[in-house]
Amino acid sequence: MSAARPAPPRWAEAFLERLLPESARETVVGDLREEFIESTQPQRGKLRADIWYVRQVASFIPWFAKEGSSMSKLLIPVSILTLACAAWLAFMETALRHPGYGARIGIASAIALICAATILARMLHVGFRGERWLWAGAAVLLAIGGQAFIHNMHSAHFEGFILIIGLVLVLQGVLMFATLGRAGSGNTPSMN
């Protein structure tokens, strides 16, 4: 029985390949793999070496914040905020079970799915063809956010959290429309 050859976690290596531009992909992935196999794994052991590799992959993520227009730079943080708001809304609706809570949980789930897809599309640099379907998601977010905002303004009791969610959804939708599919919006990172 032969021992398995040491290798970094395949999922982390695949993620790194998606993060890097083609011009740097082979060199960076190869150098990290070599360092992992030749020095890190023998010195630290499998688990600690895997953690080291994941940390190295994570160090490439800040490229997203350095690229694109200022509106493009806001898209991922706003998507994360919107995702958190949707999760909180779903949790509260599940806990409180107001009339119609099932529909609101469905809406919160749709919002969370759109936000998660937006984050992944940006992080994985899917480009215009992969982002086209997110335009429909942006329209959905604008519609839900606008409806929540208007409904809250006309309701008998004002709900600050619903107002915040409505405004965040509208902001998310506007940012998505303004940045999706645009050249220089973070889809093609460069090695600086």
N, C-alpha and C. Protein backbone atom coordinates (compact mmCIF):
# COMPACT_ATOMS: atom_id res chain seq x y z
N MET A 1 0.86 -1.18 0.00
CA MET A 1 0.00 0.00 0.00
C MET A 1 0.90 1.23 0.00
N SER A 2 0.72 2.10 -0.96
CA SER A 2 1.57 3.29 -1.06
C SER A 2 0.91 4.46 -0.34
N ALA A 3 1.74 5.31 0.23
CA ALA A 3 1.24 6.48 0.94
C ALA A 3 0.76 7.52 -0.06
N ALA A 4 -0.30 8.22 0.29
CA ALA A 4 -0.83 9.27 -0.58
C ALA A 4 0.19 10.41 -0.65
N ARG A 5 0.33 10.93 -1.83
CA ARG A 5 1.26 12.03 -2.02
C ARG A 5 0.68 13.30 -1.41
N PRO A 6 1.49 14.06 -0.65
CA PRO A 6 0.94 15.26 -0.02
C PRO A 6 0.51 16.28 -1.08
N ALA A 7 -0.62 16.90 -0.82
CA ALA A 7 -1.14 17.93 -1.73
C ALA A 7 -2.00 18.88 -0.92
N PRO A 8 -2.06 20.13 -1.36
CA PRO A 8 -2.95 21.09 -0.67
C PRO A 8 -4.40 20.69 -0.89
N PRO A 9 -5.31 21.22 -0.08
CA PRO A 9 -6.74 20.92 -0.27
C PRO A 9 -7.17 21.30 -1.69
N ARG A 10 -7.77 20.37 -2.37
CA ARG A 10 -8.14 20.60 -3.78
C ARG A 10 -9.14 21.75 -3.92
N TRP A 11 -10.08 21.85 -2.99
CA TRP A 11 -11.08 22.91 -3.10
C TRP A 11 -10.42 24.29 -2.98
N ALA A 12 -9.41 24.40 -2.10
CA ALA A 12 -8.73 25.69 -1.91
C ALA A 12 -7.90 26.03 -3.14
N GLU A 13 -7.27 25.02 -3.71
CA GLU A 13 -6.47 25.23 -4.91
C GLU A 13 -7.36 25.65 -6.09
N ALA A 14 -8.52 25.01 -6.21
CA ALA A 14 -9.47 25.36 -7.28
C ALA A 14 -9.99 26.79 -7.09
N PHE A 15 -10.26 27.17 -5.85
CA PHE A 15 -10.72 28.52 -5.56
C PHE A 15 -9.64 29.53 -5.92
N LEU A 16 -8.39 29.24 -5.58
CA LEU A 16 -7.28 30.12 -5.91
C LEU A 16 -7.16 30.28 -7.43
N GLU A 17 -7.34 29.21 -8.16
CA GLU A 17 -7.27 29.28 -9.62
C GLU A 17 -8.32 30.22 -10.18
N ARG A 18 -9.50 30.24 -9.57
CA ARG A 18 -10.57 31.15 -10.02
C ARG A 18 -10.29 32.60 -9.62
N LEU A 19 -9.59 32.78 -8.50
CA LEU A 19 -9.30 34.14 -8.03
C LEU A 19 -8.27 34.85 -8.90
N LEU A 20 -7.33 34.10 -9.43
CA LEU A 20 -6.18 34.70 -10.11
C LEU A 20 -6.44 34.94 -11.58
N PRO A 21 -5.84 35.99 -12.14
CA PRO A 21 -5.93 36.18 -13.59
C PRO A 21 -5.11 35.09 -14.29
N GLU A 22 -5.45 34.81 -15.52
CA GLU A 22 -4.76 33.75 -16.26
C GLU A 22 -3.25 33.94 -16.29
N SER A 23 -2.80 35.18 -16.40
CA SER A 23 -1.37 35.45 -16.52
C SER A 23 -0.59 35.03 -15.28
N ALA A 24 -1.22 34.99 -14.13
CA ALA A 24 -0.52 34.66 -12.88
C ALA A 24 -0.91 33.29 -12.33
N ARG A 25 -1.95 32.70 -12.87
CA ARG A 25 -2.52 31.48 -12.31
C ARG A 25 -1.51 30.35 -12.17
N GLU A 26 -0.87 29.99 -13.24
CA GLU A 26 0.04 28.84 -13.23
C GLU A 26 1.22 29.05 -12.28
N THR A 27 1.80 30.24 -12.32
CA THR A 27 2.97 30.53 -11.49
C THR A 27 2.62 30.52 -10.01
N VAL A 28 1.59 31.25 -9.61
CA VAL A 28 1.24 31.36 -8.20
C VAL A 28 0.77 30.02 -7.64
N VAL A 29 -0.13 29.35 -8.35
CA VAL A 29 -0.64 28.07 -7.87
C VAL A 29 0.50 27.05 -7.79
N GLY A 30 1.36 27.04 -8.79
CA GLY A 30 2.49 26.11 -8.79
C GLY A 30 3.47 26.38 -7.65
N ASP A 31 3.80 27.66 -7.44
CA ASP A 31 4.73 28.01 -6.35
C ASP A 31 4.15 27.65 -4.98
N LEU A 32 2.87 27.95 -4.77
CA LEU A 32 2.25 27.61 -3.48
C LEU A 32 2.19 26.09 -3.28
N ARG A 33 1.87 25.37 -4.33
CA ARG A 33 1.82 23.90 -4.26
C ARG A 33 3.20 23.36 -3.91
N GLU A 34 4.23 23.87 -4.57
CA GLU A 34 5.60 23.41 -4.32
C GLU A 34 6.01 23.68 -2.87
N GLU A 35 5.72 24.90 -2.39
CA GLU A 35 6.07 25.23 -1.01
C GLU A 35 5.31 24.34 -0.02
N PHE A 36 4.05 24.08 -0.32
CA PHE A 36 3.24 23.22 0.54
C PHE A 36 3.85 21.81 0.63
N ILE A 37 4.18 21.23 -0.53
CA ILE A 37 4.68 19.86 -0.58
C ILE A 37 6.09 19.73 -0.01
N GLU A 38 6.96 20.67 -0.36
CA GLU A 38 8.37 20.52 -0.01
C GLU A 38 8.73 21.00 1.40
N SER A 39 8.05 22.03 1.91
CA SER A 39 8.47 22.50 3.22
C SER A 39 7.35 22.60 4.25
N THR A 40 6.20 23.13 3.88
CA THR A 40 5.16 23.39 4.87
C THR A 40 4.57 22.09 5.43
N GLN A 41 4.15 21.19 4.57
CA GLN A 41 3.53 19.95 5.04
C GLN A 41 4.49 19.08 5.84
N PRO A 42 5.75 18.89 5.41
CA PRO A 42 6.67 18.09 6.24
C PRO A 42 6.96 18.73 7.61
N GLN A 43 7.01 20.05 7.66
CA GLN A 43 7.33 20.73 8.92
C GLN A 43 6.14 20.84 9.86
N ARG A 44 4.96 21.06 9.32
CA ARG A 44 3.80 21.36 10.16
C ARG A 44 2.82 20.20 10.32
N GLY A 45 2.88 19.24 9.46
CA GLY A 45 1.87 18.19 9.47
C GLY A 45 0.71 18.57 8.56
N LYS A 46 -0.14 17.60 8.24
CA LYS A 46 -1.21 17.79 7.26
C LYS A 46 -2.21 18.89 7.66
N LEU A 47 -2.75 18.81 8.86
CA LEU A 47 -3.79 19.76 9.27
C LEU A 47 -3.26 21.19 9.31
N ARG A 48 -2.15 21.43 9.95
CA ARG A 48 -1.60 22.78 10.05
C ARG A 48 -1.14 23.29 8.68
N ALA A 49 -0.66 22.38 7.84
CA ALA A 49 -0.27 22.79 6.48
C ALA A 49 -1.50 23.18 5.65
N ASP A 50 -2.59 22.43 5.82
CA ASP A 50 -3.83 22.79 5.12
C ASP A 50 -4.33 24.16 5.56
N ILE A 51 -4.27 24.42 6.85
CA ILE A 51 -4.68 25.74 7.37
C ILE A 51 -3.78 26.83 6.79
N TRP A 52 -2.48 26.57 6.74
CA TRP A 52 -1.54 27.52 6.15
C TRP A 52 -1.91 27.80 4.70
N TYR A 53 -2.23 26.77 3.95
CA TYR A 53 -2.58 26.94 2.54
C TYR A 53 -3.85 27.77 2.37
N VAL A 54 -4.85 27.49 3.17
CA VAL A 54 -6.11 28.25 3.09
C VAL A 54 -5.84 29.72 3.42
N ARG A 55 -5.00 29.98 4.40
CA ARG A 55 -4.64 31.37 4.73
C ARG A 55 -3.92 32.04 3.56
N GLN A 56 -3.07 31.30 2.87
CA GLN A 56 -2.38 31.86 1.71
C GLN A 56 -3.39 32.21 0.61
N VAL A 57 -4.35 31.33 0.38
CA VAL A 57 -5.39 31.59 -0.62
C VAL A 57 -6.20 32.83 -0.22
N ALA A 58 -6.56 32.91 1.05
CA ALA A 58 -7.34 34.07 1.53
C ALA A 58 -6.59 35.38 1.36
N SER A 59 -5.27 35.33 1.35
CA SER A 59 -4.50 36.57 1.20
C SER A 59 -4.68 37.21 -0.17
N PHE A 60 -5.18 36.46 -1.14
CA PHE A 60 -5.40 37.01 -2.47
C PHE A 60 -6.75 37.71 -2.60
N ILE A 61 -7.65 37.52 -1.68
CA ILE A 61 -8.99 38.09 -1.75
C ILE A 61 -9.01 39.61 -1.72
N PRO A 62 -8.15 40.32 -1.00
CA PRO A 62 -8.22 41.79 -1.00
C PRO A 62 -8.09 42.46 -2.37
N TRP A 63 -7.69 41.73 -3.40
CA TRP A 63 -7.65 42.33 -4.74
C TRP A 63 -8.99 42.91 -5.12
N PHE A 64 -10.09 42.31 -4.64
CA PHE A 64 -11.41 42.79 -5.04
C PHE A 64 -11.65 44.22 -4.59
N ALA A 65 -11.14 44.56 -3.43
CA ALA A 65 -11.36 45.91 -2.91
C ALA A 65 -10.51 46.95 -3.62
N LYS A 66 -9.46 46.53 -4.33
CA LYS A 66 -8.55 47.47 -4.98
C LYS A 66 -8.98 47.81 -6.40
N GLU A 67 -9.89 47.05 -6.96
CA GLU A 67 -10.20 47.20 -8.37
C GLU A 67 -11.58 47.79 -8.61
N GLY A 68 -11.75 48.33 -9.79
CA GLY A 68 -13.04 48.80 -10.23
C GLY A 68 -13.38 50.18 -9.71
N SER A 69 -14.56 50.62 -10.09
CA SER A 69 -15.05 51.93 -9.66
C SER A 69 -15.44 51.88 -8.19
N SER A 70 -15.71 53.05 -7.64
CA SER A 70 -16.10 53.09 -6.23
C SER A 70 -17.43 52.36 -6.01
N MET A 71 -18.34 52.42 -6.98
CA MET A 71 -19.60 51.70 -6.84
C MET A 71 -19.37 50.21 -6.90
N SER A 72 -18.46 49.77 -7.73
CA SER A 72 -18.14 48.35 -7.81
C SER A 72 -17.51 47.85 -6.51
N LYS A 73 -16.71 48.70 -5.88
CA LYS A 73 -16.08 48.32 -4.61
C LYS A 73 -17.12 48.13 -3.51
N LEU A 74 -18.24 48.83 -3.61
CA LEU A 74 -19.29 48.73 -2.60
C LEU A 74 -20.17 47.50 -2.75
N LEU A 75 -20.17 46.89 -3.94
CA LEU A 75 -21.14 45.83 -4.22
C LEU A 75 -21.00 44.64 -3.27
N ILE A 76 -19.80 44.14 -3.03
CA ILE A 76 -19.65 42.97 -2.15
C ILE A 76 -20.02 43.32 -0.71
N PRO A 77 -19.50 44.42 -0.12
CA PRO A 77 -19.93 44.71 1.26
C PRO A 77 -21.43 44.94 1.39
N VAL A 78 -22.04 45.62 0.42
CA VAL A 78 -23.50 45.82 0.48
C VAL A 78 -24.22 44.49 0.32
N SER A 79 -23.71 43.62 -0.54
CA SER A 79 -24.31 42.29 -0.69
C SER A 79 -24.24 41.50 0.61
N ILE A 80 -23.12 41.61 1.31
CA ILE A 80 -22.97 40.93 2.59
C ILE A 80 -23.96 41.49 3.62
N LEU A 81 -24.10 42.82 3.65
CA LEU A 81 -25.06 43.46 4.56
C LEU A 81 -26.48 43.02 4.22
N THR A 82 -26.82 43.01 2.94
CA THR A 82 -28.16 42.60 2.52
C THR A 82 -28.41 41.14 2.87
N LEU A 83 -27.41 40.30 2.67
CA LEU A 83 -27.52 38.89 3.03
C LEU A 83 -27.78 38.74 4.54
N ALA A 84 -27.06 39.52 5.34
CA ALA A 84 -27.27 39.48 6.80
C ALA A 84 -28.68 39.95 7.16
N CYS A 85 -29.17 41.01 6.50
CA CYS A 85 -30.53 41.49 6.74
C CYS A 85 -31.57 40.43 6.38
N ALA A 86 -31.36 39.75 5.26
CA ALA A 86 -32.29 38.70 4.84
C ALA A 86 -32.29 37.55 5.83
N ALA A 87 -31.12 37.18 6.32
CA ALA A 87 -31.03 36.10 7.30
C ALA A 87 -31.74 36.50 8.59
N TRP A 88 -31.54 37.75 9.02
CA TRP A 88 -32.21 38.23 10.24
C TRP A 88 -33.72 38.25 10.05
N LEU A 89 -34.18 38.72 8.89
CA LEU A 89 -35.61 38.76 8.61
C LEU A 89 -36.20 37.35 8.65
N ALA A 90 -35.53 36.40 8.02
CA ALA A 90 -36.03 35.01 8.02
C ALA A 90 -36.06 34.45 9.43
N PHE A 91 -35.02 34.73 10.22
CA PHE A 91 -34.97 34.26 11.61
C PHE A 91 -36.12 34.86 12.42
N MET A 92 -36.32 36.16 12.31
CA MET A 92 -37.38 36.83 13.08
C MET A 92 -38.76 36.35 12.66
N GLU A 93 -38.97 36.17 11.38
CA GLU A 93 -40.27 35.68 10.90
C GLU A 93 -40.52 34.26 11.40
N THR A 94 -39.48 33.45 11.43
CA THR A 94 -39.62 32.09 11.94
C THR A 94 -39.94 32.10 13.43
N ALA A 95 -39.27 32.97 14.17
CA ALA A 95 -39.48 33.05 15.62
C ALA A 95 -40.84 33.64 15.97
N LEU A 96 -41.25 34.71 15.29
CA LEU A 96 -42.48 35.42 15.65
C LEU A 96 -43.73 34.84 15.01
N ARG A 97 -43.60 34.29 13.83
CA ARG A 97 -44.70 33.66 13.09
C ARG A 97 -45.95 34.55 12.97
N HIS A 98 -45.71 35.79 12.51
CA HIS A 98 -46.84 36.68 12.22
C HIS A 98 -47.62 36.11 11.04
N PRO A 99 -48.87 36.53 10.87
CA PRO A 99 -49.63 36.05 9.70
C PRO A 99 -48.87 36.38 8.41
N GLY A 100 -48.79 35.40 7.54
CA GLY A 100 -48.08 35.58 6.27
C GLY A 100 -46.58 35.38 6.38
N TYR A 101 -46.14 34.79 7.49
CA TYR A 101 -44.69 34.65 7.70
C TYR A 101 -44.05 33.74 6.66
N GLY A 102 -44.77 32.76 6.16
CA GLY A 102 -44.21 31.84 5.16
C GLY A 102 -43.79 32.57 3.90
N ALA A 103 -44.63 33.49 3.45
CA ALA A 103 -44.30 34.27 2.25
C ALA A 103 -43.08 35.15 2.50
N ARG A 104 -43.01 35.76 3.68
CA ARG A 104 -41.87 36.63 3.99
C ARG A 104 -40.58 35.81 4.12
N ILE A 105 -40.67 34.59 4.63
CA ILE A 105 -39.49 33.73 4.68
C ILE A 105 -39.05 33.38 3.27
N GLY A 106 -40.01 33.14 2.39
CA GLY A 106 -39.69 32.88 0.98
C GLY A 106 -39.00 34.07 0.32
N ILE A 107 -39.51 35.26 0.61
CA ILE A 107 -38.90 36.49 0.07
C ILE A 107 -37.49 36.67 0.62
N ALA A 108 -37.33 36.45 1.93
CA ALA A 108 -36.00 36.57 2.54
C ALA A 108 -35.03 35.55 1.93
N SER A 109 -35.52 34.36 1.65
CA SER A 109 -34.67 33.33 1.03
C SER A 109 -34.26 33.73 -0.38
N ALA A 110 -35.19 34.31 -1.14
CA ALA A 110 -34.86 34.77 -2.49
C ALA A 110 -33.82 35.89 -2.44
N ILE A 111 -33.99 36.80 -1.50
CA ILE A 111 -33.01 37.89 -1.33
C ILE A 111 -31.64 37.31 -0.99
N ALA A 112 -31.61 36.37 -0.05
CA ALA A 112 -30.34 35.75 0.34
C ALA A 112 -29.69 35.04 -0.84
N LEU A 113 -30.47 34.36 -1.65
CA LEU A 113 -29.93 33.65 -2.82
C LEU A 113 -29.34 34.64 -3.83
N ILE A 114 -30.03 35.73 -4.09
CA ILE A 114 -29.53 36.74 -5.02
C ILE A 114 -28.23 37.35 -4.50
N CYS A 115 -28.19 37.66 -3.21
CA CYS A 115 -26.98 38.26 -2.62
C CYS A 115 -25.81 37.29 -2.65
N ALA A 116 -26.05 36.04 -2.28
CA ALA A 116 -24.98 35.04 -2.31
C ALA A 116 -24.47 34.84 -3.73
N ALA A 117 -25.37 34.80 -4.70
CA ALA A 117 -24.95 34.65 -6.10
C ALA A 117 -24.14 35.85 -6.57
N THR A 118 -24.52 37.05 -6.13
CA THR A 118 -23.78 38.25 -6.49
C THR A 118 -22.37 38.21 -5.92
N ILE A 119 -22.26 37.83 -4.66
CA ILE A 119 -20.95 37.73 -4.01
C ILE A 119 -20.08 36.71 -4.74
N LEU A 120 -20.64 35.54 -5.00
CA LEU A 120 -19.86 34.50 -5.70
C LEU A 120 -19.48 34.93 -7.12
N ALA A 121 -20.40 35.58 -7.82
CA ALA A 121 -20.11 36.02 -9.19
C ALA A 121 -18.94 37.01 -9.19
N ARG A 122 -18.90 37.90 -8.21
CA ARG A 122 -17.80 38.87 -8.10
C ARG A 122 -16.50 38.19 -7.69
N MET A 123 -16.57 37.31 -6.71
CA MET A 123 -15.36 36.67 -6.21
C MET A 123 -14.74 35.72 -7.24
N LEU A 124 -15.59 35.08 -8.04
CA LEU A 124 -15.10 34.11 -9.00
C LEU A 124 -14.88 34.71 -10.39
N HIS A 125 -15.10 36.02 -10.51
CA HIS A 125 -14.86 36.72 -11.78
C HIS A 125 -15.57 36.04 -12.95
N VAL A 126 -16.87 35.83 -12.84
CA VAL A 126 -17.58 35.09 -13.87
C VAL A 126 -17.73 35.87 -15.17
N GLY A 127 -17.59 37.17 -15.15
CA GLY A 127 -17.70 37.96 -16.37
C GLY A 127 -19.14 38.23 -16.76
N PHE A 128 -19.30 38.93 -17.87
CA PHE A 128 -20.62 39.40 -18.28
C PHE A 128 -21.61 38.27 -18.53
N ARG A 129 -21.20 37.22 -19.23
CA ARG A 129 -22.13 36.13 -19.53
C ARG A 129 -22.66 35.46 -18.26
N GLY A 130 -21.81 35.29 -17.27
CA GLY A 130 -22.25 34.68 -16.03
C GLY A 130 -23.07 35.61 -15.15
N GLU A 131 -22.92 36.92 -15.36
CA GLU A 131 -23.64 37.89 -14.53
C GLU A 131 -24.97 38.33 -15.13
N ARG A 132 -25.21 38.03 -16.40
CA ARG A 132 -26.43 38.51 -17.05
C ARG A 132 -27.68 38.17 -16.28
N TRP A 133 -27.77 36.97 -15.75
CA TRP A 133 -28.97 36.56 -15.04
C TRP A 133 -29.14 37.31 -13.73
N LEU A 134 -28.06 37.91 -13.21
CA LEU A 134 -28.17 38.68 -11.98
C LEU A 134 -28.90 40.01 -12.19
N TRP A 135 -29.01 40.45 -13.45
CA TRP A 135 -29.77 41.67 -13.72
C TRP A 135 -31.23 41.48 -13.29
N ALA A 136 -31.77 40.29 -13.54
CA ALA A 136 -33.13 39.99 -13.08
C ALA A 136 -33.19 40.04 -11.56
N GLY A 137 -32.14 39.53 -10.91
CA GLY A 137 -32.06 39.60 -9.46
C GLY A 137 -32.05 41.03 -8.96
N ALA A 138 -31.35 41.90 -9.68
CA ALA A 138 -31.31 43.32 -9.30
C ALA A 138 -32.71 43.94 -9.40
N ALA A 139 -33.44 43.58 -10.44
CA ALA A 139 -34.80 44.09 -10.60
C ALA A 139 -35.70 43.60 -9.47
N VAL A 140 -35.53 42.34 -9.09
CA VAL A 140 -36.31 41.78 -7.98
C VAL A 140 -36.01 42.52 -6.68
N LEU A 141 -34.71 42.76 -6.42
CA LEU A 141 -34.34 43.48 -5.20
C LEU A 141 -34.91 44.88 -5.18
N LEU A 142 -34.84 45.58 -6.31
CA LEU A 142 -35.43 46.93 -6.38
C LEU A 142 -36.93 46.89 -6.12
N ALA A 143 -37.61 45.90 -6.70
CA ALA A 143 -39.06 45.80 -6.52
C ALA A 143 -39.42 45.50 -5.06
N ILE A 144 -38.73 44.54 -4.46
CA ILE A 144 -39.01 44.19 -3.07
C ILE A 144 -38.67 45.35 -2.14
N GLY A 145 -37.49 45.95 -2.36
CA GLY A 145 -37.08 47.08 -1.52
C GLY A 145 -38.00 48.27 -1.64
N GLY A 146 -38.39 48.61 -2.86
CA GLY A 146 -39.31 49.73 -3.07
C GLY A 146 -40.66 49.46 -2.44
N GLN A 147 -41.17 48.24 -2.61
CA GLN A 147 -42.46 47.88 -2.04
C GLN A 147 -42.40 47.93 -0.51
N ALA A 148 -41.30 47.42 0.09
CA ALA A 148 -41.17 47.45 1.55
C ALA A 148 -41.11 48.89 2.07
N PHE A 149 -40.35 49.72 1.37
CA PHE A 149 -40.22 51.12 1.77
C PHE A 149 -41.57 51.84 1.70
N ILE A 150 -42.28 51.69 0.59
CA ILE A 150 -43.58 52.35 0.41
C ILE A 150 -44.60 51.81 1.41
N HIS A 151 -44.64 50.49 1.59
CA HIS A 151 -45.58 49.88 2.53
C HIS A 151 -45.32 50.38 3.96
N ASN A 152 -44.05 50.49 4.32
CA ASN A 152 -43.70 50.95 5.67
C ASN A 152 -44.11 52.41 5.89
N MET A 153 -43.99 53.23 4.86
CA MET A 153 -44.37 54.63 4.98
C MET A 153 -45.88 54.81 5.17
N HIS A 154 -46.67 53.88 4.61
CA HIS A 154 -48.12 53.99 4.68
C HIS A 154 -48.74 53.10 5.75
N SER A 155 -47.94 52.38 6.50
CA SER A 155 -48.52 51.48 7.51
C SER A 155 -48.89 52.25 8.78
N ALA A 156 -49.74 51.64 9.58
CA ALA A 156 -50.21 52.27 10.81
C ALA A 156 -49.08 52.38 11.84
N HIS A 157 -48.16 51.45 11.84
CA HIS A 157 -47.03 51.52 12.77
C HIS A 157 -45.72 51.40 11.97
N PHE A 158 -44.86 52.32 12.22
CA PHE A 158 -43.57 52.41 11.53
C PHE A 158 -42.61 51.35 12.05
N GLU A 159 -41.97 50.61 11.16
CA GLU A 159 -40.98 49.60 11.54
C GLU A 159 -39.64 50.01 10.96
N GLY A 160 -38.73 50.44 11.84
CA GLY A 160 -37.42 50.91 11.41
C GLY A 160 -36.60 49.85 10.69
N PHE A 161 -36.70 48.60 11.15
CA PHE A 161 -35.92 47.54 10.52
C PHE A 161 -36.39 47.31 9.08
N ILE A 162 -37.69 47.35 8.85
CA ILE A 162 -38.22 47.17 7.49
C ILE A 162 -37.76 48.32 6.61
N LEU A 163 -37.74 49.53 7.15
CA LEU A 163 -37.23 50.68 6.40
C LEU A 163 -35.77 50.46 6.00
N ILE A 164 -34.95 50.01 6.95
CA ILE A 164 -33.54 49.76 6.66
C ILE A 164 -33.39 48.68 5.60
N ILE A 165 -34.13 47.58 5.74
CA ILE A 165 -34.06 46.51 4.75
C ILE A 165 -34.47 47.04 3.37
N GLY A 166 -35.55 47.79 3.32
CA GLY A 166 -36.00 48.35 2.04
C GLY A 166 -34.93 49.22 1.40
N LEU A 167 -34.33 50.09 2.19
CA LEU A 167 -33.28 50.97 1.65
C LEU A 167 -32.05 50.18 1.21
N VAL A 168 -31.66 49.17 1.99
CA VAL A 168 -30.51 48.34 1.62
C VAL A 168 -30.79 47.57 0.34
N LEU A 169 -32.01 47.05 0.19
CA LEU A 169 -32.36 46.33 -1.04
C LEU A 169 -32.31 47.25 -2.26
N VAL A 170 -32.83 48.46 -2.11
CA VAL A 170 -32.78 49.42 -3.22
C VAL A 170 -31.33 49.76 -3.55
N LEU A 171 -30.51 50.00 -2.53
CA LEU A 171 -29.09 50.28 -2.77
C LEU A 171 -28.41 49.12 -3.47
N GLN A 172 -28.67 47.90 -3.01
CA GLN A 172 -28.10 46.71 -3.64
C GLN A 172 -28.51 46.61 -5.10
N GLY A 173 -29.79 46.80 -5.38
CA GLY A 173 -30.28 46.73 -6.76
C GLY A 173 -29.64 47.78 -7.66
N VAL A 174 -29.53 49.02 -7.16
CA VAL A 174 -28.91 50.11 -7.93
C VAL A 174 -27.44 49.78 -8.20
N LEU A 175 -26.72 49.33 -7.18
CA LEU A 175 -25.31 48.97 -7.37
C LEU A 175 -25.15 47.83 -8.36
N MET A 176 -26.03 46.85 -8.30
CA MET A 176 -25.95 45.74 -9.24
C MET A 176 -26.18 46.24 -10.67
N PHE A 177 -27.21 47.06 -10.87
CA PHE A 177 -27.46 47.58 -12.21
C PHE A 177 -26.30 48.43 -12.71
N ALA A 178 -25.69 49.20 -11.81
CA ALA A 178 -24.61 50.11 -12.20
C ALA A 178 -23.30 49.38 -12.49
N THR A 179 -23.08 48.20 -11.91
CA THR A 179 -21.77 47.57 -12.03
C THR A 179 -21.74 46.24 -12.76
N LEU A 180 -22.85 45.52 -12.81
CA LEU A 180 -22.82 44.20 -13.44
C LEU A 180 -22.52 44.30 -14.93
N GLY A 181 -21.62 43.44 -15.38
CA GLY A 181 -21.30 43.36 -16.79
C GLY A 181 -20.47 44.50 -17.33
N ARG A 182 -19.99 45.37 -16.49
CA ARG A 182 -19.18 46.49 -16.94
C ARG A 182 -17.71 46.12 -16.92
N ALA A 183 -16.99 46.53 -17.90
CA ALA A 183 -15.54 46.33 -17.92
C ALA A 183 -14.93 47.13 -16.78
N GLY A 184 -13.96 46.51 -16.12
CA GLY A 184 -13.27 47.21 -15.04
C GLY A 184 -14.05 47.21 -13.74
N SER A 185 -15.09 46.38 -13.66
CA SER A 185 -15.89 46.35 -12.43
C SER A 185 -15.45 45.24 -11.50
N GLY A 186 -14.22 44.79 -11.67
CA GLY A 186 -13.71 43.79 -10.76
C GLY A 186 -13.70 42.40 -11.35
N ASN A 187 -14.04 42.25 -12.63
CA ASN A 187 -14.10 40.93 -13.22
C ASN A 187 -12.75 40.41 -13.67
N THR A 188 -11.80 41.28 -13.89
CA THR A 188 -10.50 40.85 -14.37
C THR A 188 -9.41 41.44 -13.50
N PRO A 189 -9.02 40.73 -12.46
CA PRO A 189 -8.00 41.27 -11.58
C PRO A 189 -6.65 41.33 -12.25
N SER A 190 -5.82 42.21 -11.78
CA SER A 190 -4.47 42.32 -12.31
C SER A 190 -3.50 42.12 -11.19
N MET A 191 -2.35 41.63 -11.51
CA MET A 191 -1.30 41.42 -10.52
C MET A 191 -0.50 42.72 -10.41
N ASN A 192 -0.53 43.35 -9.26
CA ASN A 192 0.24 44.57 -9.05
C ASN A 192 1.42 44.30 -8.17
